[in-house]
Amino acid sequence: LRLKANDRPGVLAAITSALRDEGISVEALIQKEPRKGEQTVNLVLISSRCREKVINSAIASIENMDVVDGQVVKIRVETLD
């Protein structure tokens, strides 16, 4: 998942709580420092394997948060094992 969120305490906890509520674990997270003068930060989360219906429900919850700016982009990651 790629999204833009406010850079303040508790935002990441709220986002990961939406994933937790759907039974989705976070495998990896990238958060870059915001640019000077910006109040939002880009986040990239890689989740555990889950069903499409479940991740879509979590995305809907995340997009409804006041701390998230715009839509969440879902990118599928395929493993080659």
PDB file of N, CA and C in Angstrom:
ATOM      1  N   LEU A   1       0.842  -1.171   0.000  1.00  0.00           N
ATOM      2  CA  LEU A   1       0.000   0.000   0.000  1.00  0.00           C
ATOM      3  C   LEU A   1       0.884   1.228   0.000  1.00  0.00           C
ATOM      4  N   ARG A   2       0.498   2.220  -0.786  1.00  0.00           N
ATOM      5  CA  ARG A   2       1.197   3.503  -0.781  1.00  0.00           C
ATOM      6  C   ARG A   2       0.173   4.580  -0.469  1.00  0.00           C
ATOM      7  N   LEU A   3       0.521   5.456   0.477  1.00  0.00           N
ATOM      8  CA  LEU A   3      -0.414   6.498   0.860  1.00  0.00           C
ATOM      9  C   LEU A   3       0.330   7.701   1.408  1.00  0.00           C
ATOM     10  N   LYS A   4      -0.374   8.798   1.512  1.00  0.00           N
ATOM     11  CA  LYS A   4       0.164  10.026   2.079  1.00  0.00           C
ATOM     12  C   LYS A   4      -0.656  10.338   3.326  1.00  0.00           C
ATOM     13  N   ALA A   5       0.055  10.580   4.440  1.00  0.00           N
ATOM     14  CA  ALA A   5      -0.634  10.821   5.708  1.00  0.00           C
ATOM     15  C   ALA A   5       0.021  11.976   6.449  1.00  0.00           C
ATOM     16  N   ASN A   6      -0.710  12.522   7.410  1.00  0.00           N
ATOM     17  CA  ASN A   6      -0.175  13.591   8.247  1.00  0.00           C
ATOM     18  C   ASN A   6       1.030  13.081   9.032  1.00  0.00           C
ATOM     19  N   ASP A   7       2.020  13.935   9.207  1.00  0.00           N
ATOM     20  CA  ASP A   7       3.213  13.585   9.958  1.00  0.00           C
ATOM     21  C   ASP A   7       3.070  14.070  11.390  1.00  0.00           C
ATOM     22  N   ARG A   8       2.393  13.248  12.198  1.00  0.00           N
ATOM     23  CA  ARG A   8       2.230  13.575  13.612  1.00  0.00           C
ATOM     24  C   ARG A   8       2.033  12.282  14.407  1.00  0.00           C
ATOM     25  N   PRO A   9       2.269  12.321  15.697  1.00  0.00           N
ATOM     26  CA  PRO A   9       2.167  11.116  16.523  1.00  0.00           C
ATOM     27  C   PRO A   9       0.779  10.474  16.456  1.00  0.00           C
ATOM     28  N   GLY A  10       0.764   9.149  16.398  1.00  0.00           N
ATOM     29  CA  GLY A  10      -0.479   8.388  16.418  1.00  0.00           C
ATOM     30  C   GLY A  10      -1.039   8.034  15.057  1.00  0.00           C
ATOM     31  N   VAL A  11      -0.566   8.678  14.015  1.00  0.00           N
ATOM     32  CA  VAL A  11      -1.115   8.424  12.670  1.00  0.00           C
ATOM     33  C   VAL A  11      -0.778   7.009  12.219  1.00  0.00           C
ATOM     34  N   LEU A  12       0.465   6.607  12.361  1.00  0.00           N
ATOM     35  CA  LEU A  12       0.858   5.264  11.954  1.00  0.00           C
ATOM     36  C   LEU A  12       0.107   4.210  12.761  1.00  0.00           C
ATOM     37  N   ALA A  13      -0.088   4.470  14.044  1.00  0.00           N
ATOM     38  CA  ALA A  13      -0.846   3.541  14.890  1.00  0.00           C
ATOM     39  C   ALA A  13      -2.278   3.386  14.394  1.00  0.00           C
ATOM     40  N   ALA A  14      -2.896   4.481  13.976  1.00  0.00           N
ATOM     41  CA  ALA A  14      -4.270   4.422  13.460  1.00  0.00           C
ATOM     42  C   ALA A  14      -4.329   3.606  12.171  1.00  0.00           C
ATOM     43  N   ILE A  15      -3.356   3.811  11.300  1.00  0.00           N
ATOM     44  CA  ILE A  15      -3.333   3.089  10.027  1.00  0.00           C
ATOM     45  C   ILE A  15      -3.113   1.596  10.252  1.00  0.00           C
ATOM     46  N   THR A  16      -2.142   1.260  11.097  1.00  0.00           N
ATOM     47  CA  THR A  16      -1.888  -0.160  11.347  1.00  0.00           C
ATOM     48  C   THR A  16      -3.025  -0.814  12.134  1.00  0.00           C
ATOM     49  N   SER A  17      -3.761  -0.034  12.906  1.00  0.00           N
ATOM     50  CA  SER A  17      -4.933  -0.575  13.609  1.00  0.00           C
ATOM     51  C   SER A  17      -6.014  -1.004  12.627  1.00  0.00           C
ATOM     52  N   ALA A  18      -6.175  -0.238  11.555  1.00  0.00           N
ATOM     53  CA  ALA A  18      -7.154  -0.619  10.523  1.00  0.00           C
ATOM     54  C   ALA A  18      -6.755  -1.940   9.881  1.00  0.00           C
ATOM     55  N   LEU A  19      -5.460  -2.139   9.684  1.00  0.00           N
ATOM     56  CA  LEU A  19      -4.983  -3.418   9.141  1.00  0.00           C
ATOM     57  C   LEU A  19      -5.177  -4.535  10.164  1.00  0.00           C
ATOM     58  N   ARG A  20      -4.834  -4.252  11.425  1.00  0.00           N
ATOM     59  CA  ARG A  20      -5.002  -5.235  12.498  1.00  0.00           C
ATOM     60  C   ARG A  20      -6.453  -5.701  12.614  1.00  0.00           C
ATOM     61  N   ASP A  21      -7.373  -4.758  12.517  1.00  0.00           N
ATOM     62  CA  ASP A  21      -8.794  -5.088  12.645  1.00  0.00           C
ATOM     63  C   ASP A  21      -9.254  -6.071  11.579  1.00  0.00           C
ATOM     64  N   GLU A  22      -8.548  -6.113  10.455  1.00  0.00           N
ATOM     65  CA  GLU A  22      -8.873  -7.052   9.374  1.00  0.00           C
ATOM     66  C   GLU A  22      -7.988  -8.297   9.410  1.00  0.00           C
ATOM     67  N   GLY A  23      -7.124  -8.391  10.433  1.00  0.00           N
ATOM     68  CA  GLY A  23      -6.253  -9.558  10.569  1.00  0.00           C
ATOM     69  C   GLY A  23      -5.048  -9.529   9.635  1.00  0.00           C
ATOM     70  N   ILE A  24      -4.632  -8.336   9.250  1.00  0.00           N
ATOM     71  CA  ILE A  24      -3.511  -8.181   8.316  1.00  0.00           C
ATOM     72  C   ILE A  24      -2.282  -7.710   9.085  1.00  0.00           C
ATOM     73  N   SER A  25      -1.170  -8.419   8.918  1.00  0.00           N
ATOM     74  CA  SER A  25       0.096  -8.026   9.528  1.00  0.00           C
ATOM     75  C   SER A  25       0.897  -7.183   8.554  1.00  0.00           C
ATOM     76  N   VAL A  26       1.777  -6.357   9.101  1.00  0.00           N
ATOM     77  CA  VAL A  26       2.676  -5.545   8.274  1.00  0.00           C
ATOM     78  C   VAL A  26       4.021  -6.261   8.216  1.00  0.00           C
ATOM     79  N   GLU A  27       4.484  -6.547   7.006  1.00  0.00           N
ATOM     80  CA  GLU A  27       5.792  -7.186   6.838  1.00  0.00           C
ATOM     81  C   GLU A  27       6.907  -6.157   6.744  1.00  0.00           C
ATOM     82  N   ALA A  28       6.620  -5.023   6.144  1.00  0.00           N
ATOM     83  CA  ALA A  28       7.643  -3.982   5.992  1.00  0.00           C
ATOM     84  C   ALA A  28       6.967  -2.623   5.885  1.00  0.00           C
ATOM     85  N   LEU A  29       7.717  -1.592   6.275  1.00  0.00           N
ATOM     86  CA  LEU A  29       7.199  -0.229   6.234  1.00  0.00           C
ATOM     87  C   LEU A  29       8.333   0.717   5.869  1.00  0.00           C
ATOM     88  N   ILE A  30       8.045   1.628   4.959  1.00  0.00           N
ATOM     89  CA  ILE A  30       8.992   2.679   4.615  1.00  0.00           C
ATOM     90  C   ILE A  30       8.290   4.009   4.842  1.00  0.00           C
ATOM     91  N   GLN A  31       8.935   4.863   5.612  1.00  0.00           N
ATOM     92  CA  GLN A  31       8.423   6.212   5.841  1.00  0.00           C
ATOM     93  C   GLN A  31       9.588   7.172   5.677  1.00  0.00           C
ATOM     94  N   LYS A  32       9.497   8.039   4.702  1.00  0.00           N
ATOM     95  CA  LYS A  32      10.522   9.051   4.473  1.00  0.00           C
ATOM     96  C   LYS A  32      10.175  10.307   5.259  1.00  0.00           C
ATOM     97  N   GLU A  33      11.177  11.075   5.614  1.00  0.00           N
ATOM     98  CA  GLU A  33      10.960  12.351   6.277  1.00  0.00           C
ATOM     99  C   GLU A  33      10.215  13.283   5.319  1.00  0.00           C
ATOM    100  N   PRO A  34       9.303  14.087   5.836  1.00  0.00           N
ATOM    101  CA  PRO A  34       8.609  15.028   4.951  1.00  0.00           C
ATOM    102  C   PRO A  34       9.578  16.106   4.453  1.00  0.00           C
ATOM    103  N   ARG A  35       9.274  16.636   3.297  1.00  0.00           N
ATOM    104  CA  ARG A  35      10.073  17.740   2.776  1.00  0.00           C
ATOM    105  C   ARG A  35       9.882  18.952   3.670  1.00  0.00           C
ATOM    106  N   LYS A  36      10.842  19.822   3.643  1.00  0.00           N
ATOM    107  CA  LYS A  36      10.791  21.014   4.481  1.00  0.00           C
ATOM    108  C   LYS A  36       9.511  21.801   4.213  1.00  0.00           C
ATOM    109  N   GLY A  37       8.781  22.105   5.270  1.00  0.00           N
ATOM    110  CA  GLY A  37       7.553  22.870   5.162  1.00  0.00           C
ATOM    111  C   GLY A  37       6.309  22.035   4.903  1.00  0.00           C
ATOM    112  N   GLU A  38       6.463  20.740   4.628  1.00  0.00           N
ATOM    113  CA  GLU A  38       5.300  19.877   4.379  1.00  0.00           C
ATOM    114  C   GLU A  38       4.826  19.233   5.675  1.00  0.00           C
ATOM    115  N   GLN A  39       3.535  18.991   5.749  1.00  0.00           N
ATOM    116  CA  GLN A  39       2.928  18.387   6.934  1.00  0.00           C
ATOM    117  C   GLN A  39       2.517  16.941   6.710  1.00  0.00           C
ATOM    118  N   THR A  40       2.729  16.427   5.485  1.00  0.00           N
ATOM    119  CA  THR A  40       2.367  15.044   5.185  1.00  0.00           C
ATOM    120  C   THR A  40       3.614  14.263   4.809  1.00  0.00           C
ATOM    121  N   VAL A  41       3.493  12.952   4.933  1.00  0.00           N
ATOM    122  CA  VAL A  41       4.606  12.049   4.655  1.00  0.00           C
ATOM    123  C   VAL A  41       4.092  10.892   3.796  1.00  0.00           C
ATOM    124  N   ASN A  42       4.956  10.401   2.907  1.00  0.00           N
ATOM    125  CA  ASN A  42       4.615   9.229   2.105  1.00  0.00           C
ATOM    126  C   ASN A  42       4.930   7.968   2.898  1.00  0.00           C
ATOM    127  N   LEU A  43       4.005   7.020   2.880  1.00  0.00           N
ATOM    128  CA  LEU A  43       4.183   5.726   3.542  1.00  0.00           C
ATOM    129  C   LEU A  43       4.022   4.615   2.519  1.00  0.00           C
ATOM    130  N   VAL A  44       4.861   3.603   2.634  1.00  0.00           N
ATOM    131  CA  VAL A  44       4.711   2.395   1.832  1.00  0.00           C
ATOM    132  C   VAL A  44       4.691   1.228   2.810  1.00  0.00           C
ATOM    133  N   LEU A  45       3.624   0.448   2.770  1.00  0.00           N
ATOM    134  CA  LEU A  45       3.474  -0.707   3.653  1.00  0.00           C
ATOM    135  C   LEU A  45       3.360  -1.973   2.824  1.00  0.00           C
ATOM    136  N   ILE A  46       4.104  -2.988   3.206  1.00  0.00           N
ATOM    137  CA  ILE A  46       3.943  -4.308   2.607  1.00  0.00           C
ATOM    138  C   ILE A  46       3.245  -5.169   3.647  1.00  0.00           C
ATOM    139  N   SER A  47       2.132  -5.739   3.257  1.00  0.00           N
ATOM    140  CA  SER A  47       1.331  -6.521   4.204  1.00  0.00           C
ATOM    141  C   SER A  47       1.633  -8.004   4.064  1.00  0.00           C
ATOM    142  N   SER A  48       1.132  -8.738   5.042  1.00  0.00           N
ATOM    143  CA  SER A  48       1.155 -10.190   4.936  1.00  0.00           C
ATOM    144  C   SER A  48       0.194 -10.595   3.822  1.00  0.00           C
ATOM    145  N   ARG A  49       0.294 -11.825   3.423  1.00  0.00           N
ATOM    146  CA  ARG A  49      -0.602 -12.332   2.390  1.00  0.00           C
ATOM    147  C   ARG A  49      -2.039 -12.329   2.922  1.00  0.00           C
ATOM    148  N   CYS A  50      -2.964 -11.817   2.104  1.00  0.00           N
ATOM    149  CA  CYS A  50      -4.360 -11.755   2.544  1.00  0.00           C
ATOM    150  C   CYS A  50      -5.281 -11.763   1.319  1.00  0.00           C
ATOM    151  N   ARG A  51      -6.533 -11.963   1.590  1.00  0.00           N
ATOM    152  CA  ARG A  51      -7.531 -11.969   0.515  1.00  0.00           C
ATOM    153  C   ARG A  51      -7.835 -10.541   0.066  1.00  0.00           C
ATOM    154  N   GLU A  52      -8.186 -10.405  -1.188  1.00  0.00           N
ATOM    155  CA  GLU A  52      -8.498  -9.106  -1.792  1.00  0.00           C
ATOM    156  C   GLU A  52      -9.616  -8.393  -1.034  1.00  0.00           C
ATOM    157  N   LYS A  53     -10.645  -9.122  -0.680  1.00  0.00           N
ATOM    158  CA  LYS A  53     -11.791  -8.551   0.033  1.00  0.00           C
ATOM    159  C   LYS A  53     -11.357  -7.930   1.368  1.00  0.00           C
ATOM    160  N   VAL A  54     -10.433  -8.583   2.051  1.00  0.00           N
ATOM    161  CA  VAL A  54      -9.967  -8.124   3.356  1.00  0.00           C
ATOM    162  C   VAL A  54      -9.123  -6.861   3.219  1.00  0.00           C
ATOM    163  N   ILE A  55      -8.198  -6.844   2.267  1.00  0.00           N
ATOM    164  CA  ILE A  55      -7.353  -5.669   2.085  1.00  0.00           C
ATOM    165  C   ILE A  55      -8.187  -4.486   1.597  1.00  0.00           C
ATOM    166  N   ASN A  56      -9.171  -4.748   0.749  1.00  0.00           N
ATOM    167  CA  ASN A  56     -10.037  -3.662   0.274  1.00  0.00           C
ATOM    168  C   ASN A  56     -10.826  -3.040   1.418  1.00  0.00           C
ATOM    169  N   SER A  57     -11.248  -3.861   2.370  1.00  0.00           N
ATOM    170  CA  SER A  57     -11.960  -3.345   3.536  1.00  0.00           C
ATOM    171  C   SER A  57     -11.039  -2.468   4.388  1.00  0.00           C
ATOM    172  N   ALA A  58      -9.804  -2.918   4.576  1.00  0.00           N
ATOM    173  CA  ALA A  58      -8.833  -2.126   5.331  1.00  0.00           C
ATOM    174  C   ALA A  58      -8.532  -0.811   4.620  1.00  0.00           C
ATOM    175  N   ILE A  59      -8.381  -0.865   3.308  1.00  0.00           N
ATOM    176  CA  ILE A  59      -8.116   0.349   2.527  1.00  0.00           C
ATOM    177  C   ILE A  59      -9.264   1.338   2.675  1.00  0.00           C
ATOM    178  N   ALA A  60     -10.493   0.869   2.630  1.00  0.00           N
ATOM    179  CA  ALA A  60     -11.653   1.753   2.790  1.00  0.00           C
ATOM    180  C   ALA A  60     -11.614   2.446   4.153  1.00  0.00           C
ATOM    181  N   SER A  61     -11.258   1.702   5.186  1.00  0.00           N
ATOM    182  CA  SER A  61     -11.159   2.289   6.521  1.00  0.00           C
ATOM    183  C   SER A  61     -10.051   3.336   6.583  1.00  0.00           C
ATOM    184  N   ILE A  62      -8.920   3.035   5.974  1.00  0.00           N
ATOM    185  CA  ILE A  62      -7.782   3.960   5.979  1.00  0.00           C
ATOM    186  C   ILE A  62      -8.123   5.235   5.213  1.00  0.00           C
ATOM    187  N   GLU A  63      -8.759   5.089   4.065  1.00  0.00           N
ATOM    188  CA  GLU A  63      -9.110   6.262   3.255  1.00  0.00           C
ATOM    189  C   GLU A  63     -10.110   7.174   3.947  1.00  0.00           C
ATOM    190  N   ASN A  64     -10.902   6.628   4.861  1.00  0.00           N
ATOM    191  CA  ASN A  64     -11.885   7.440   5.592  1.00  0.00           C
ATOM    192  C   ASN A  64     -11.291   8.196   6.772  1.00  0.00           C
ATOM    193  N   MET A  65     -10.024   7.975   7.055  1.00  0.00           N
ATOM    194  CA  MET A  65      -9.375   8.663   8.172  1.00  0.00           C
ATOM    195  C   MET A  65      -9.041  10.100   7.789  1.00  0.00           C
ATOM    196  N   ASP A  66      -9.258  11.011   8.737  1.00  0.00           N
ATOM    197  CA  ASP A  66      -8.937  12.429   8.516  1.00  0.00           C
ATOM    198  C   ASP A  66      -7.442  12.658   8.329  1.00  0.00           C
ATOM    199  N   VAL A  67      -6.614  11.744   8.836  1.00  0.00           N
ATOM    200  CA  VAL A  67      -5.163  11.919   8.795  1.00  0.00           C
ATOM    201  C   VAL A  67      -4.539  11.447   7.480  1.00  0.00           C
ATOM    202  N   VAL A  68      -5.347  10.838   6.621  1.00  0.00           N
ATOM    203  CA  VAL A  68      -4.856  10.336   5.335  1.00  0.00           C
ATOM    204  C   VAL A  68      -5.283  11.298   4.233  1.00  0.00           C
ATOM    205  N   ASP A  69      -4.328  11.645   3.387  1.00  0.00           N
ATOM    206  CA  ASP A  69      -4.553  12.593   2.306  1.00  0.00           C
ATOM    207  C   ASP A  69      -4.708  11.848   0.984  1.00  0.00           C
ATOM    208  N   GLY A  70      -5.913  11.816   0.445  1.00  0.00           N
ATOM    209  CA  GLY A  70      -6.152  11.172  -0.848  1.00  0.00           C
ATOM    210  C   GLY A  70      -6.409   9.684  -0.730  1.00  0.00           C
ATOM    211  N   GLN A  71      -6.242   9.014  -1.860  1.00  0.00           N
ATOM    212  CA  GLN A  71      -6.532   7.585  -1.939  1.00  0.00           C
ATOM    213  C   GLN A  71      -5.293   6.742  -1.655  1.00  0.00           C
ATOM    214  N   VAL A  72      -5.550   5.524  -1.186  1.00  0.00           N
ATOM    215  CA  VAL A  72      -4.503   4.533  -0.970  1.00  0.00           C
ATOM    216  C   VAL A  72      -4.301   3.790  -2.288  1.00  0.00           C
ATOM    217  N   VAL A  73      -3.050   3.625  -2.678  1.00  0.00           N
ATOM    218  CA  VAL A  73      -2.732   2.882  -3.893  1.00  0.00           C
ATOM    219  C   VAL A  73      -2.334   1.461  -3.490  1.00  0.00           C
ATOM    220  N   LYS A  74      -2.987   0.487  -4.084  1.00  0.00           N
ATOM    221  CA  LYS A  74      -2.703  -0.914  -3.800  1.00  0.00           C
ATOM    222  C   LYS A  74      -1.843  -1.475  -4.932  1.00  0.00           C
ATOM    223  N   ILE A  75      -0.713  -2.021  -4.570  1.00  0.00           N
ATOM    224  CA  ILE A  75       0.199  -2.623  -5.544  1.00  0.00           C
ATOM    225  C   ILE A  75       0.427  -4.067  -5.108  1.00  0.00           C
ATOM    226  N   ARG A  76       0.157  -5.010  -5.984  1.00  0.00           N
ATOM    227  CA  ARG A  76       0.358  -6.419  -5.647  1.00  0.00           C
ATOM    228  C   ARG A  76       1.844  -6.757  -5.702  1.00  0.00           C
ATOM    229  N   VAL A  77       2.277  -7.562  -4.739  1.00  0.00           N
ATOM    230  CA  VAL A  77       3.656  -8.042  -4.715  1.00  0.00           C
ATOM    231  C   VAL A  77       3.606  -9.558  -4.852  1.00  0.00           C
ATOM    232  N   GLU A  78       4.272 -10.059  -5.871  1.00  0.00           N
ATOM    233  CA  GLU A  78       4.323 -11.504  -6.099  1.00  0.00           C
ATOM    234  C   GLU A  78       5.676 -12.021  -5.643  1.00  0.00           C
ATOM    235  N   THR A  79       5.657 -13.147  -4.958  1.00  0.00           N
ATOM    236  CA  THR A  79       6.913 -13.777  -4.571  1.00  0.00           C
ATOM    237  C   THR A  79       7.267 -14.833  -5.608  1.00  0.00           C
ATOM    238  N   LEU A  80       8.536 -15.045  -5.811  1.00  0.00           N
ATOM    239  CA  LEU A  80       8.991 -15.993  -6.833  1.00  0.00           C
ATOM    240  C   LEU A  80       9.634 -17.222  -6.236  1.00  0.00           C
ATOM    241  N   ASP A  81       9.150 -17.659  -5.052  1.00  0.00           N
ATOM    242  CA  ASP A  81       9.745 -18.844  -4.438  1.00  0.00           C
ATOM    243  C   ASP A  81       9.254 -20.087  -5.119  1.00  0.00           C
TER     244      ASP A  81
END
